[in-house]
C-alpha atoms as a PDB file:
ATOM      1  CA  UNK A   1      18.438  -8.942  32.059  1.00  0.00           C
ATOM      2  CA  UNK A   2      17.446  -5.867  29.955  1.00  0.00           C
ATOM      3  CA  UNK A   3      16.678  -6.893  26.424  1.00  0.00           C
ATOM      4  CA  UNK A   4      18.996  -5.513  23.695  1.00  0.00           C
ATOM      5  CA  UNK A   5      17.794  -2.266  22.097  1.00  0.00           C
ATOM      6  CA  UNK A   6      16.596  -2.979  18.566  1.00  0.00           C
ATOM      7  CA  UNK A   7      18.579  -1.294  15.776  1.00  0.00           C
ATOM      8  CA  UNK A   8      16.573   0.897  13.467  1.00  0.00           C
ATOM      9  CA  UNK A   9      17.312   1.985   9.939  1.00  0.00           C
ATOM     10  CA  UNK A  10      15.376   5.126   8.864  1.00  0.00           C
ATOM     11  CA  UNK A  11      15.050   4.938   5.128  1.00  0.00           C
ATOM     12  CA  UNK A  12      14.477   8.366   3.544  1.00  0.00           C
ATOM     13  CA  UNK A  13      13.676   8.421  -0.142  1.00  0.00           C
ATOM     14  CA  UNK A  14      14.203  11.908  -1.620  1.00  0.00           C
ATOM     15  CA  UNK A  15      13.646  13.794  -4.882  1.00  0.00           C
ATOM     16  CA  UNK A  16      14.055  17.604  -5.022  1.00  0.00           C
ATOM     17  CA  UNK A  17      13.212  18.371  -1.396  1.00  0.00           C
ATOM     18  CA  UNK A  18      16.372  20.354  -0.561  1.00  0.00           C
ATOM     19  CA  UNK A  19      14.357  23.036   1.389  1.00  0.00           C
ATOM     20  CA  UNK A  20      12.443  20.491   3.453  1.00  0.00           C
ATOM     21  CA  UNK A  21      15.640  18.483   4.195  1.00  0.00           C
ATOM     22  CA  UNK A  22      16.906  21.368   6.223  1.00  0.00           C
ATOM     23  CA  UNK A  23      14.169  20.596   8.765  1.00  0.00           C
ATOM     24  CA  UNK A  24      13.556  16.844   8.255  1.00  0.00           C
ATOM     25  CA  UNK A  25      17.141  15.606   8.538  1.00  0.00           C
ATOM     26  CA  UNK A  26      18.067  17.449  11.722  1.00  0.00           C
ATOM     27  CA  UNK A  27      14.880  16.033  13.258  1.00  0.00           C
ATOM     28  CA  UNK A  28      16.080  12.574  12.401  1.00  0.00           C
ATOM     29  CA  UNK A  29      19.520  13.231  13.725  1.00  0.00           C
ATOM     30  CA  UNK A  30      17.885  14.305  17.031  1.00  0.00           C
ATOM     31  CA  UNK A  31      16.045  11.106  17.590  1.00  0.00           C
ATOM     32  CA  UNK A  32      16.250   9.716  21.203  1.00  0.00           C
ATOM     33  CA  UNK A  33      16.466   6.049  20.200  1.00  0.00           C
ATOM     34  CA  UNK A  34      20.184   5.210  20.644  1.00  0.00           C
ATOM     35  CA  UNK A  35      20.578   2.706  17.793  1.00  0.00           C
ATOM     36  CA  UNK A  36      19.415   4.669  14.804  1.00  0.00           C
ATOM     37  CA  UNK A  37      20.952   4.892  11.378  1.00  0.00           C
ATOM     38  CA  UNK A  38      19.797   7.165   8.513  1.00  0.00           C
ATOM     39  CA  UNK A  39      19.792   5.666   5.118  1.00  0.00           C
ATOM     40  CA  UNK A  40      19.229   8.612   2.783  1.00  0.00           C
ATOM     41  CA  UNK A  41      18.465   7.705  -0.899  1.00  0.00           C
ATOM     42  CA  UNK A  42      18.466  10.427  -3.402  1.00  0.00           C
ATOM     43  CA  UNK A  43      16.409   9.666  -6.534  1.00  0.00           C
ATOM     44  CA  UNK A  44      18.575  11.721  -8.938  1.00  0.00           C
ATOM     45  CA  UNK A  45      17.526  15.100  -7.606  1.00  0.00           C
ATOM     46  CA  UNK A  46      18.110  18.214  -9.713  1.00  0.00           C
ATOM     47  CA  UNK A  47      18.270  20.605  -6.773  1.00  0.00           C
ATOM     48  CA  UNK A  48      20.723  20.927  -3.826  1.00  0.00           C
ATOM     49  CA  UNK A  49      19.373  17.877  -1.959  1.00  0.00           C
ATOM     50  CA  UNK A  50      22.601  15.902  -2.011  1.00  0.00           C
ATOM     51  CA  UNK A  51      24.661  18.855  -0.888  1.00  0.00           C
ATOM     52  CA  UNK A  52      22.211  19.586   1.998  1.00  0.00           C
ATOM     53  CA  UNK A  53      22.353  16.048   3.215  1.00  0.00           C
ATOM     54  CA  UNK A  54      26.129  15.901   3.098  1.00  0.00           C
ATOM     55  CA  UNK A  55      26.500  19.266   4.853  1.00  0.00           C
ATOM     56  CA  UNK A  56      24.473  17.721   7.694  1.00  0.00           C
ATOM     57  CA  UNK A  57      26.734  14.753   7.883  1.00  0.00           C
ATOM     58  CA  UNK A  58      24.202  12.271   6.374  1.00  0.00           C
ATOM     59  CA  UNK A  59      25.657   9.733   3.940  1.00  0.00           C
ATOM     60  CA  UNK A  60      23.939   9.676   0.494  1.00  0.00           C
ATOM     61  CA  UNK A  61      22.969   6.774  -1.661  1.00  0.00           C
ATOM     62  CA  UNK A  62      21.838   7.522  -5.230  1.00  0.00           C
ATOM     63  CA  UNK A  63      19.485   5.567  -7.427  1.00  0.00           C
ATOM     64  CA  UNK A  64      20.841   4.468 -10.819  1.00  0.00           C
ATOM     65  CA  UNK A  65      18.068   6.497 -12.503  1.00  0.00           C
ATOM     66  CA  UNK A  66      15.104   8.696 -11.444  1.00  0.00           C
ATOM     67  CA  UNK A  67      12.737   5.781 -10.702  1.00  0.00           C
ATOM     68  CA  UNK A  68      10.390   7.134  -8.045  1.00  0.00           C
ATOM     69  CA  UNK A  69      10.083   6.430  -4.287  1.00  0.00           C
ATOM     70  CA  UNK A  70       9.531   2.701  -4.664  1.00  0.00           C
ATOM     71  CA  UNK A  71      12.974   2.323  -6.219  1.00  0.00           C
ATOM     72  CA  UNK A  72      14.516   4.539  -3.588  1.00  0.00           C
ATOM     73  CA  UNK A  73      12.928   2.670  -0.777  1.00  0.00           C
ATOM     74  CA  UNK A  74      14.013  -0.632  -2.147  1.00  0.00           C
ATOM     75  CA  UNK A  75      17.613   0.533  -2.465  1.00  0.00           C
ATOM     76  CA  UNK A  76      17.556   1.980   1.018  1.00  0.00           C
ATOM     77  CA  UNK A  77      16.141  -1.274   2.504  1.00  0.00           C
ATOM     78  CA  UNK A  78      18.871  -3.258   0.615  1.00  0.00           C
ATOM     79  CA  UNK A  79      21.565  -1.183   2.327  1.00  0.00           C
ATOM     80  CA  UNK A  80      19.840  -0.976   5.749  1.00  0.00           C
ATOM     81  CA  UNK A  81      21.406  -2.934   8.721  1.00  0.00           C
ATOM     82  CA  UNK A  82      18.634  -2.347  11.306  1.00  0.00           C
ATOM     83  CA  UNK A  83      16.221  -4.847  12.695  1.00  0.00           C
ATOM     84  CA  UNK A  84      13.449  -2.401  12.148  1.00  0.00           C
ATOM     85  CA  UNK A  85      12.899  -0.288   8.955  1.00  0.00           C
ATOM     86  CA  UNK A  86      11.252   3.090   9.377  1.00  0.00           C
ATOM     87  CA  UNK A  87      10.342   4.620   6.027  1.00  0.00           C
ATOM     88  CA  UNK A  88      10.054   8.406   6.300  1.00  0.00           C
ATOM     89  CA  UNK A  89       9.408  10.807   3.368  1.00  0.00           C
ATOM     90  CA  UNK A  90      11.955  13.511   2.988  1.00  0.00           C
ATOM     91  CA  UNK A  91       9.358  16.278   3.411  1.00  0.00           C
ATOM     92  CA  UNK A  92       8.146  15.026   6.864  1.00  0.00           C
ATOM     93  CA  UNK A  93       9.539  16.222  10.173  1.00  0.00           C
ATOM     94  CA  UNK A  94       9.255  13.878  13.094  1.00  0.00           C
ATOM     95  CA  UNK A  95       9.227  14.619  16.829  1.00  0.00           C
ATOM     96  CA  UNK A  96      12.429  13.332  18.579  1.00  0.00           C
ATOM     97  CA  UNK A  97      10.765  10.368  20.220  1.00  0.00           C
ATOM     98  CA  UNK A  98       9.232   8.939  16.977  1.00  0.00           C
ATOM     99  CA  UNK A  99      11.777   6.120  16.512  1.00  0.00           C
ATOM    100  CA  UNK A 100      11.472   5.044  20.079  1.00  0.00           C
ATOM    101  CA  UNK A 101       7.676   5.029  19.865  1.00  0.00           C
ATOM    102  CA  UNK A 102       7.741   3.012  16.640  1.00  0.00           C
ATOM    103  CA  UNK A 103       9.996   0.403  18.218  1.00  0.00           C
ATOM    104  CA  UNK A 104       7.727   0.185  21.240  1.00  0.00           C
ATOM    105  CA  UNK A 105       4.595  -0.181  19.068  1.00  0.00           C
ATOM    106  CA  UNK A 106       6.081  -3.063  17.116  1.00  0.00           C
ATOM    107  CA  UNK A 107       7.291  -4.736  20.321  1.00  0.00           C
ATOM    108  CA  UNK A 108       3.855  -4.451  21.923  1.00  0.00           C
ATOM    109  CA  UNK A 109       2.114  -5.833  18.813  1.00  0.00           C
ATOM    110  CA  UNK A 110       4.227  -8.621  17.394  1.00  0.00           C
ATOM    111  CA  UNK A 111       1.455  -9.817  15.066  1.00  0.00           C
ATOM    112  CA  UNK A 112       1.505  -6.528  13.171  1.00  0.00           C
ATOM    113  CA  UNK A 113       3.275  -6.361   9.753  1.00  0.00           C
ATOM    114  CA  UNK A 114       3.705  -2.567   9.991  1.00  0.00           C
ATOM    115  CA  UNK A 115       2.680   0.445  11.993  1.00  0.00           C
ATOM    116  CA  UNK A 116       2.010   3.658  10.148  1.00  0.00           C
ATOM    117  CA  UNK A 117       1.808   7.170  11.472  1.00  0.00           C
ATOM    118  CA  UNK A 118      -0.505  10.145  10.834  1.00  0.00           C
ATOM    119  CA  UNK A 119       0.257  13.566   9.438  1.00  0.00           C
ATOM    120  CA  UNK A 120      -0.341  16.786  11.372  1.00  0.00           C
ATOM    121  CA  UNK A 121      -2.941  19.249  10.205  1.00  0.00           C
ATOM    122  CA  UNK A 122      -0.434  22.131  10.054  1.00  0.00           C
ATOM    123  CA  UNK A 123       2.079  21.947   7.198  1.00  0.00           C
ATOM    124  CA  UNK A 124       5.789  21.695   7.745  1.00  0.00           C
ATOM    125  CA  UNK A 125       6.172  24.958   5.812  1.00  0.00           C
ATOM    126  CA  UNK A 126       3.083  27.117   5.205  1.00  0.00           C
ATOM    127  CA  UNK A 127       3.530  27.866   1.444  1.00  0.00           C
ATOM    128  CA  UNK A 128      -0.026  28.319   0.203  1.00  0.00           C
ATOM    129  CA  UNK A 129      -3.747  28.040   0.750  1.00  0.00           C
ATOM    130  CA  UNK A 130      -3.822  24.913  -1.405  1.00  0.00           C
ATOM    131  CA  UNK A 131      -1.264  23.327   0.904  1.00  0.00           C
ATOM    132  CA  UNK A 132      -3.254  24.215   4.013  1.00  0.00           C
ATOM    133  CA  UNK A 133      -6.329  22.477   2.509  1.00  0.00           C
ATOM    134  CA  UNK A 134      -4.305  19.461   1.396  1.00  0.00           C
ATOM    135  CA  UNK A 135      -2.751  18.936   4.873  1.00  0.00           C
ATOM    136  CA  UNK A 136      -6.119  19.220   6.582  1.00  0.00           C
ATOM    137  CA  UNK A 137      -7.581  16.566   4.319  1.00  0.00           C
ATOM    138  CA  UNK A 138      -4.538  14.298   4.796  1.00  0.00           C
ATOM    139  CA  UNK A 139      -4.749  14.665   8.541  1.00  0.00           C
ATOM    140  CA  UNK A 140      -8.537  14.041   8.730  1.00  0.00           C
ATOM    141  CA  UNK A 141      -8.488  11.005   6.460  1.00  0.00           C
ATOM    142  CA  UNK A 142      -5.846   9.417   8.633  1.00  0.00           C
ATOM    143  CA  UNK A 143      -7.207  10.201  12.101  1.00  0.00           C
ATOM    144  CA  UNK A 144     -10.626   9.071  10.985  1.00  0.00           C
ATOM    145  CA  UNK A 145      -9.196   5.799   9.796  1.00  0.00           C
ATOM    146  CA  UNK A 146      -7.134   4.716  12.820  1.00  0.00           C
ATOM    147  CA  UNK A 147      -6.823   0.960  13.306  1.00  0.00           C
ATOM    148  CA  UNK A 148      -6.352  -1.697  10.731  1.00  0.00           C
ATOM    149  CA  UNK A 149      -5.944  -0.439   7.150  1.00  0.00           C
ATOM    150  CA  UNK A 150      -5.401  -2.119   3.838  1.00  0.00           C
ATOM    151  CA  UNK A 151      -2.394  -0.201   2.474  1.00  0.00           C
ATOM    152  CA  UNK A 152       0.707   1.363   3.786  1.00  0.00           C
ATOM    153  CA  UNK A 153       0.959   5.018   4.709  1.00  0.00           C
ATOM    154  CA  UNK A 154       4.540   5.274   3.607  1.00  0.00           C
ATOM    155  CA  UNK A 155       5.191   8.863   4.676  1.00  0.00           C
ATOM    156  CA  UNK A 156       5.802   7.324   8.136  1.00  0.00           C
ATOM    157  CA  UNK A 157       5.851   3.556   8.275  1.00  0.00           C
ATOM    158  CA  UNK A 158       7.760   1.135  10.484  1.00  0.00           C
ATOM    159  CA  UNK A 159       8.128  -2.603  10.006  1.00  0.00           C
ATOM    160  CA  UNK A 160      10.472  -5.409  11.070  1.00  0.00           C
ATOM    161  CA  UNK A 161      13.199  -5.940   8.548  1.00  0.00           C
ATOM    162  CA  UNK A 162      12.277  -9.660   8.470  1.00  0.00           C
ATOM    163  CA  UNK A 163       8.769  -8.747   7.350  1.00  0.00           C
ATOM    164  CA  UNK A 164      10.059  -6.647   4.475  1.00  0.00           C
ATOM    165  CA  UNK A 165      12.355  -9.499   3.468  1.00  0.00           C
ATOM    166  CA  UNK A 166       9.363 -11.871   3.544  1.00  0.00           C
ATOM    167  CA  UNK A 167       6.901  -9.601   1.573  1.00  0.00           C
ATOM    168  CA  UNK A 168       9.455  -8.432  -0.902  1.00  0.00           C
ATOM    169  CA  UNK A 169      10.300  -5.047  -2.492  1.00  0.00           C
ATOM    170  CA  UNK A 170       7.961  -2.275  -3.509  1.00  0.00           C
ATOM    171  CA  UNK A 171       6.619  -2.520  -7.038  1.00  0.00           C
ATOM    172  CA  UNK A 172       8.700  -0.015  -8.928  1.00  0.00           C
ATOM    173  CA  UNK A 173       6.404   0.056 -11.939  1.00  0.00           C
ATOM    174  CA  UNK A 174       3.436   1.410  -9.947  1.00  0.00           C
ATOM    175  CA  UNK A 175       4.922   4.843  -9.353  1.00  0.00           C
ATOM    176  CA  UNK A 176       2.825   7.022  -7.069  1.00  0.00           C
ATOM    177  CA  UNK A 177       0.571   4.124  -5.949  1.00  0.00           C
ATOM    178  CA  UNK A 178       3.086   1.387  -4.891  1.00  0.00           C
ATOM    179  CA  UNK A 179       1.847   1.618  -1.276  1.00  0.00           C
ATOM    180  CA  UNK A 180      -1.570   0.293  -2.216  1.00  0.00           C
ATOM    181  CA  UNK A 181      -0.103  -2.790  -3.985  1.00  0.00           C
ATOM    182  CA  UNK A 182       2.369  -3.368  -1.210  1.00  0.00           C
ATOM    183  CA  UNK A 183      -0.442  -3.182   1.423  1.00  0.00           C
ATOM    184  CA  UNK A 184      -2.364  -5.824  -0.588  1.00  0.00           C
ATOM    185  CA  UNK A 185       0.571  -8.256  -0.407  1.00  0.00           C
ATOM    186  CA  UNK A 186       1.319  -7.511   3.241  1.00  0.00           C
ATOM    187  CA  UNK A 187      -2.342  -7.533   4.267  1.00  0.00           C
ATOM    188  CA  UNK A 188      -2.703 -11.142   3.022  1.00  0.00           C
ATOM    189  CA  UNK A 189      -0.166 -12.181   5.809  1.00  0.00           C
ATOM    190  CA  UNK A 190      -0.093  -9.430   8.498  1.00  0.00           C
ATOM    191  CA  UNK A 191      -2.355  -6.716   9.725  1.00  0.00           C
ATOM    192  CA  UNK A 192      -1.281  -3.159   9.023  1.00  0.00           C
ATOM    193  CA  UNK A 193      -1.944  -0.649  11.836  1.00  0.00           C
ATOM    194  CA  UNK A 194      -2.496   3.050  11.496  1.00  0.00           C
ATOM    195  CA  UNK A 195      -1.848   4.931  14.761  1.00  0.00           C
ATOM    196  CA  UNK A 196      -1.653   8.519  15.885  1.00  0.00           C
ATOM    197  CA  UNK A 197       1.003   7.510  18.433  1.00  0.00           C
ATOM    198  CA  UNK A 198       3.528   8.379  15.775  1.00  0.00           C
ATOM    199  CA  UNK A 199       3.061  11.466  13.572  1.00  0.00           C
ATOM    200  CA  UNK A 200       4.889  14.244  11.732  1.00  0.00           C
ATOM    201  CA  UNK A 201       4.480  17.490   9.928  1.00  0.00           C
ATOM    202  CA  UNK A 202       4.310  17.229   6.181  1.00  0.00           C
ATOM    203  CA  UNK A 203       5.159  19.708   3.363  1.00  0.00           C
ATOM    204  CA  UNK A 204       2.358  18.751   0.991  1.00  0.00           C
ATOM    205  CA  UNK A 205       1.547  19.968  -2.484  1.00  0.00           C
ATOM    206  CA  UNK A 206       1.370  23.769  -2.612  1.00  0.00           C
ATOM    207  CA  UNK A 207       0.246  24.366  -6.260  1.00  0.00           C
ATOM    208  CA  UNK A 208      -3.124  23.466  -7.515  1.00  0.00           C
ATOM    209  CA  UNK A 209      -2.467  22.052 -10.952  1.00  0.00           C
ATOM    210  CA  UNK A 210       0.496  19.805 -10.149  1.00  0.00           C
ATOM    211  CA  UNK A 211      -1.514  18.471  -7.082  1.00  0.00           C
ATOM    212  CA  UNK A 212      -4.562  17.727  -9.282  1.00  0.00           C
ATOM    213  CA  UNK A 213      -2.308  16.065 -11.875  1.00  0.00           C
ATOM    214  CA  UNK A 214      -0.843  13.912  -9.178  1.00  0.00           C
ATOM    215  CA  UNK A 215      -4.265  12.983  -7.827  1.00  0.00           C
ATOM    216  CA  UNK A 216      -5.419  12.008 -11.316  1.00  0.00           C
ATOM    217  CA  UNK A 217      -2.499   9.663 -12.001  1.00  0.00           C
ATOM    218  CA  UNK A 218      -2.761   8.094  -8.545  1.00  0.00           C
ATOM    219  CA  UNK A 219      -6.474   7.452  -9.108  1.00  0.00           C
ATOM    220  CA  UNK A 220      -5.704   6.089 -12.589  1.00  0.00           C
ATOM    221  CA  UNK A 221      -3.158   3.634 -11.164  1.00  0.00           C
ATOM    222  CA  UNK A 222      -5.261   2.642  -8.113  1.00  0.00           C
ATOM    223  CA  UNK A 223      -8.360   1.767 -10.012  1.00  0.00           C
ATOM    224  CA  UNK A 224      -7.159  -1.605 -11.356  1.00  0.00           C
ATOM    225  CA  UNK A 225      -6.133  -2.609  -7.830  1.00  0.00           C
ATOM    226  CA  UNK A 226      -9.659  -1.935  -6.537  1.00  0.00           C
ATOM    227  CA  UNK A 227     -11.213  -3.558  -9.554  1.00  0.00           C
ATOM    228  CA  UNK A 228      -9.107  -6.667  -8.961  1.00  0.00           C
ATOM    229  CA  UNK A 229     -10.106  -7.073  -5.329  1.00  0.00           C
ATOM    230  CA  UNK A 230     -13.580  -5.500  -5.784  1.00  0.00           C
ATOM    231  CA  UNK A 231     -13.538  -3.266  -2.726  1.00  0.00           C
ATOM    232  CA  UNK A 232     -12.246   0.117  -1.612  1.00  0.00           C
ATOM    233  CA  UNK A 233      -9.265   0.653   0.671  1.00  0.00           C
ATOM    234  CA  UNK A 234     -10.100  -0.404   4.213  1.00  0.00           C
ATOM    235  CA  UNK A 235     -10.667   2.579   6.457  1.00  0.00           C
ATOM    236  CA  UNK A 236      -9.378   5.302   4.047  1.00  0.00           C
ATOM    237  CA  UNK A 237     -10.602   5.514   0.517  1.00  0.00           C
ATOM    238  CA  UNK A 238     -14.034   4.506   1.646  1.00  0.00           C
ATOM    239  CA  UNK A 239     -17.126   3.868  -0.587  1.00  0.00           C
ATOM    240  CA  UNK A 240     -18.617   7.080   0.772  1.00  0.00           C
ATOM    241  CA  UNK A 241     -15.542   9.090  -0.396  1.00  0.00           C
ATOM    242  CA  UNK A 242     -15.759   7.431  -3.757  1.00  0.00           C
ATOM    243  CA  UNK A 243     -19.354   8.509  -4.014  1.00  0.00           C
ATOM    244  CA  UNK A 244     -18.208  12.018  -3.323  1.00  0.00           C
ATOM    245  CA  UNK A 245     -16.291  11.981  -6.521  1.00  0.00           C
ATOM    246  CA  UNK A 246     -19.263  10.731  -8.434  1.00  0.00           C
ATOM    247  CA  UNK A 247     -21.585  13.442  -6.952  1.00  0.00           C
ATOM    248  CA  UNK A 248     -19.027  16.124  -7.657  1.00  0.00           C
ATOM    249  CA  UNK A 249     -18.953  15.012 -11.359  1.00  0.00           C
ATOM    250  CA  UNK A 250     -22.735  14.885 -11.620  1.00  0.00           C
ATOM    251  CA  UNK A 251     -23.225  18.215  -9.940  1.00  0.00           C
ATOM    252  CA  UNK A 252     -20.670  19.799 -12.308  1.00  0.00           C
ATOM    253  CA  UNK A 253     -22.381  18.234 -15.334  1.00  0.00           C
ATOM    254  CA  UNK A 254     -25.774  19.633 -14.477  1.00  0.00           C
ATOM    255  CA  UNK A 255     -24.564  23.213 -13.818  1.00  0.00           C
ATOM    256  CA  UNK A 256     -25.777  24.449 -17.167  1.00  0.00           C
ATOM    257  CA  UNK A 257     -29.470  23.401 -16.396  1.00  0.00           C
ATOM    258  CA  UNK A 258     -30.560  26.810 -15.076  1.00  0.00           C
ATOM    259  CA  UNK A 259     -29.775  28.256 -18.519  1.00  0.00           C
ATOM    260  CA  UNK A 260     -32.206  25.767 -20.029  1.00  0.00           C
ATOM    261  CA  UNK A 261     -34.856  25.393 -17.340  1.00  0.00           C
ATOM    262  CA  UNK A 262     -34.676  28.638 -15.356  1.00  0.00           C
ATOM    263  CA  UNK A 263     -34.314  28.729 -11.522  1.00  0.00           C
ATOM    264  CA  UNK A 264     -35.749  25.292 -11.107  1.00  0.00           C
ATOM    265  CA  UNK A 265     -32.710  23.933 -13.037  1.00  0.00           C
ATOM    266  CA  UNK A 266     -30.528  24.809 -10.073  1.00  0.00           C
ATOM    267  CA  UNK A 267     -32.174  22.191  -7.819  1.00  0.00           C
ATOM    268  CA  UNK A 268     -30.286  19.174  -9.174  1.00  0.00           C
ATOM    269  CA  UNK A 269     -26.961  20.810  -8.711  1.00  0.00           C
ATOM    270  CA  UNK A 270     -27.877  21.994  -5.205  1.00  0.00           C
ATOM    271  CA  UNK A 271     -29.041  18.518  -4.180  1.00  0.00           C
ATOM    272  CA  UNK A 272     -25.931  16.912  -5.592  1.00  0.00           C
ATOM    273  CA  UNK A 273     -23.727  19.429  -3.825  1.00  0.00           C
ATOM    274  CA  UNK A 274     -25.402  18.633  -0.513  1.00  0.00           C
ATOM    275  CA  UNK A 275     -24.877  14.934  -1.206  1.00  0.00           C
ATOM    276  CA  UNK A 276     -21.232  15.685  -1.965  1.00  0.00           C
ATOM    277  CA  UNK A 277     -20.756  17.345   1.397  1.00  0.00           C
ATOM    278  CA  UNK A 278     -22.657  14.572   3.224  1.00  0.00           C
ATOM    279  CA  UNK A 279     -20.323  11.933   1.869  1.00  0.00           C
ATOM    280  CA  UNK A 280     -17.494  13.220   4.137  1.00  0.00           C
ATOM    281  CA  UNK A 281     -19.475  15.451   6.537  1.00  0.00           C
ATOM    282  CA  UNK A 282     -17.170  14.775   9.501  1.00  0.00           C
ATOM    283  CA  UNK A 283     -14.186  16.239   7.538  1.00  0.00           C
ATOM    284  CA  UNK A 284     -16.020  19.437   6.810  1.00  0.00           C
ATOM    285  CA  UNK A 285     -17.133  19.855  10.350  1.00  0.00           C
ATOM    286  CA  UNK A 286     -13.579  19.308  11.477  1.00  0.00           C
ATOM    287  CA  UNK A 287     -12.328  22.028   9.110  1.00  0.00           C
ATOM    288  CA  UNK A 288     -15.055  24.415  10.267  1.00  0.00           C
ATOM    289  CA  UNK A 289     -14.137  23.888  13.971  1.00  0.00           C
ATOM    290  CA  UNK A 290     -10.451  24.227  13.414  1.00  0.00           C
ATOM    291  CA  UNK A 291     -10.139  27.007  10.822  1.00  0.00           C
ATOM    292  CA  UNK A 292     -13.508  28.699  10.554  1.00  0.00           C
ATOM    293  CA  UNK A 293     -15.975  29.422   7.744  1.00  0.00           C
ATOM    294  CA  UNK A 294     -13.552  31.386   5.542  1.00  0.00           C
ATOM    295  CA  UNK A 295     -11.096  28.529   5.210  1.00  0.00           C
ATOM    296  CA  UNK A 296     -13.917  26.063   4.853  1.00  0.00           C
ATOM    297  CA  UNK A 297     -15.091  27.766   1.679  1.00  0.00           C
ATOM    298  CA  UNK A 298     -11.722  27.424   0.097  1.00  0.00           C
ATOM    299  CA  UNK A 299     -11.344  23.895   1.442  1.00  0.00           C
ATOM    300  CA  UNK A 300     -14.603  22.768  -0.182  1.00  0.00           C
ATOM    301  CA  UNK A 301     -13.552  24.287  -3.482  1.00  0.00           C
ATOM    302  CA  UNK A 302     -10.223  22.465  -3.448  1.00  0.00           C
ATOM    303  CA  UNK A 303     -11.931  19.214  -2.444  1.00  0.00           C
ATOM    304  CA  UNK A 304     -14.415  19.647  -5.292  1.00  0.00           C
ATOM    305  CA  UNK A 305     -11.558  19.833  -7.765  1.00  0.00           C
ATOM    306  CA  UNK A 306      -9.751  16.956  -6.156  1.00  0.00           C
ATOM    307  CA  UNK A 307     -12.791  14.782  -6.471  1.00  0.00           C
ATOM    308  CA  UNK A 308     -13.182  15.641 -10.164  1.00  0.00           C
ATOM    309  CA  UNK A 309      -9.576  14.637 -10.624  1.00  0.00           C
ATOM    310  CA  UNK A 310     -10.222  11.380  -8.802  1.00  0.00           C
ATOM    311  CA  UNK A 311     -13.229  10.392 -10.897  1.00  0.00           C
ATOM    312  CA  UNK A 312     -11.411  11.408 -14.101  1.00  0.00           C
ATOM    313  CA  UNK A 313      -8.353   9.269 -13.134  1.00  0.00           C
ATOM    314  CA  UNK A 314     -10.548   6.364 -12.141  1.00  0.00           C
ATOM    315  CA  UNK A 315     -12.243   6.471 -15.501  1.00  0.00           C
ATOM    316  CA  UNK A 316      -8.947   6.563 -17.330  1.00  0.00           C
ATOM    317  CA  UNK A 317      -7.623   3.662 -15.232  1.00  0.00           C
ATOM    318  CA  UNK A 318     -10.751   1.576 -15.938  1.00  0.00           C
ATOM    319  CA  UNK A 319     -10.440   2.233 -19.682  1.00  0.00           C
ATOM    320  CA  UNK A 320      -6.781   1.270 -19.717  1.00  0.00           C
ATOM    321  CA  UNK A 321      -7.576  -1.854 -17.707  1.00  0.00           C
ATOM    322  CA  UNK A 322     -10.231  -2.833 -20.308  1.00  0.00           C
ATOM    323  CA  UNK A 323      -8.310  -1.905 -23.469  1.00  0.00           C
ATOM    324  CA  UNK A 324      -4.583  -2.072 -22.771  1.00  0.00           C
ATOM    325  CA  UNK A 325      -2.950  -5.515 -22.350  1.00  0.00           C
ATOM    326  CA  UNK A 326       0.341  -3.935 -21.339  1.00  0.00           C
ATOM    327  CA  UNK A 327      -1.408  -1.961 -18.597  1.00  0.00           C
ATOM    328  CA  UNK A 328      -3.088  -5.118 -17.218  1.00  0.00           C
ATOM    329  CA  UNK A 329       0.241  -7.041 -17.441  1.00  0.00           C
ATOM    330  CA  UNK A 330       1.797  -4.423 -15.089  1.00  0.00           C
ATOM    331  CA  UNK A 331      -0.550  -5.517 -12.276  1.00  0.00           C
ATOM    332  CA  UNK A 332      -0.193  -9.196 -13.001  1.00  0.00           C
ATOM    333  CA  UNK A 333       3.599  -9.265 -13.064  1.00  0.00           C
ATOM    334  CA  UNK A 334       4.404  -8.770  -9.379  1.00  0.00           C
ATOM    335  CA  UNK A 335       6.790  -6.169  -7.873  1.00  0.00           C
ATOM    336  CA  UNK A 336       9.510  -6.366 -10.560  1.00  0.00           C
ATOM    337  CA  UNK A 337      10.617  -3.065 -12.112  1.00  0.00           C
ATOM    338  CA  UNK A 338       8.385  -1.977 -14.899  1.00  0.00           C
ATOM    339  CA  UNK A 339       7.448   1.075 -16.913  1.00  0.00           C
ATOM    340  CA  UNK A 340       3.895   2.407 -16.565  1.00  0.00           C
ATOM    341  CA  UNK A 341       2.234   2.911 -19.980  1.00  0.00           C
ATOM    342  CA  UNK A 342       1.154   6.469 -20.649  1.00  0.00           C
END
């Protein structure tokens, strides 16, 4: 007898992605898996997101307040009826066989708590050079980390509904870094797999300053999680990549030395810059092969700024962890809704 086809609920958290929804929602409606429902959760968007979804025939749930993707995912999961939950960000476009592939992956690996997909190197919409660089980085960091990982890649992530019920909701207080904390809880019971068997095109950040600000706050909020468990994220935010942030900071700090010491003063910056590139040399070779030397120069510049934002955020997070009791309490209180101290 043919086993029954598992039902799948695709949970789509959204905030102000009306333009992307015109691509992402039709792709979900075109999935080949026959038992698929779309649970679209709008996080109080101020653009035309709700109108776009309804025009495409997709029902809309709304969060009680603008609370971030964790709140939206939790609300979507609470309303989902499927045996499998597939979380998909609203700025990610999936190939039509993605749901079917996710179901097959979970069926073939019953020990897994979740399977997460990769992001393509080409953006969903090509808005800017910054976005090109960001998508290349996101793609490389994922494909170089395939296998078991220590936090969820929630842009594309499938798990049995029973596992979500067992692990509990996303931590709504850790806005922009809830996937790390969730992976910490899930990883204590189940392995989390990262695979390129499922993937999608992503519309990443296209403006430099908002992107750096987001990187800073994510680093600030992730630092206490890493301090608490005393290790980097498995297979992704590696120790070498953390050292890249340190070398970028040091190289920037010694840039004035040539004014004081003459040409010899340039040597420390040059040595540190080489060390910075060596920390993730595979990524820079990948960009050179795929896009050439011209794009590589811009990519290195963007990565330099990203790493400065990372180390600044980590320092701010460490300081808050040491001196703010309310900040520490956020991480000790579990996944209940909370407000992140400024």
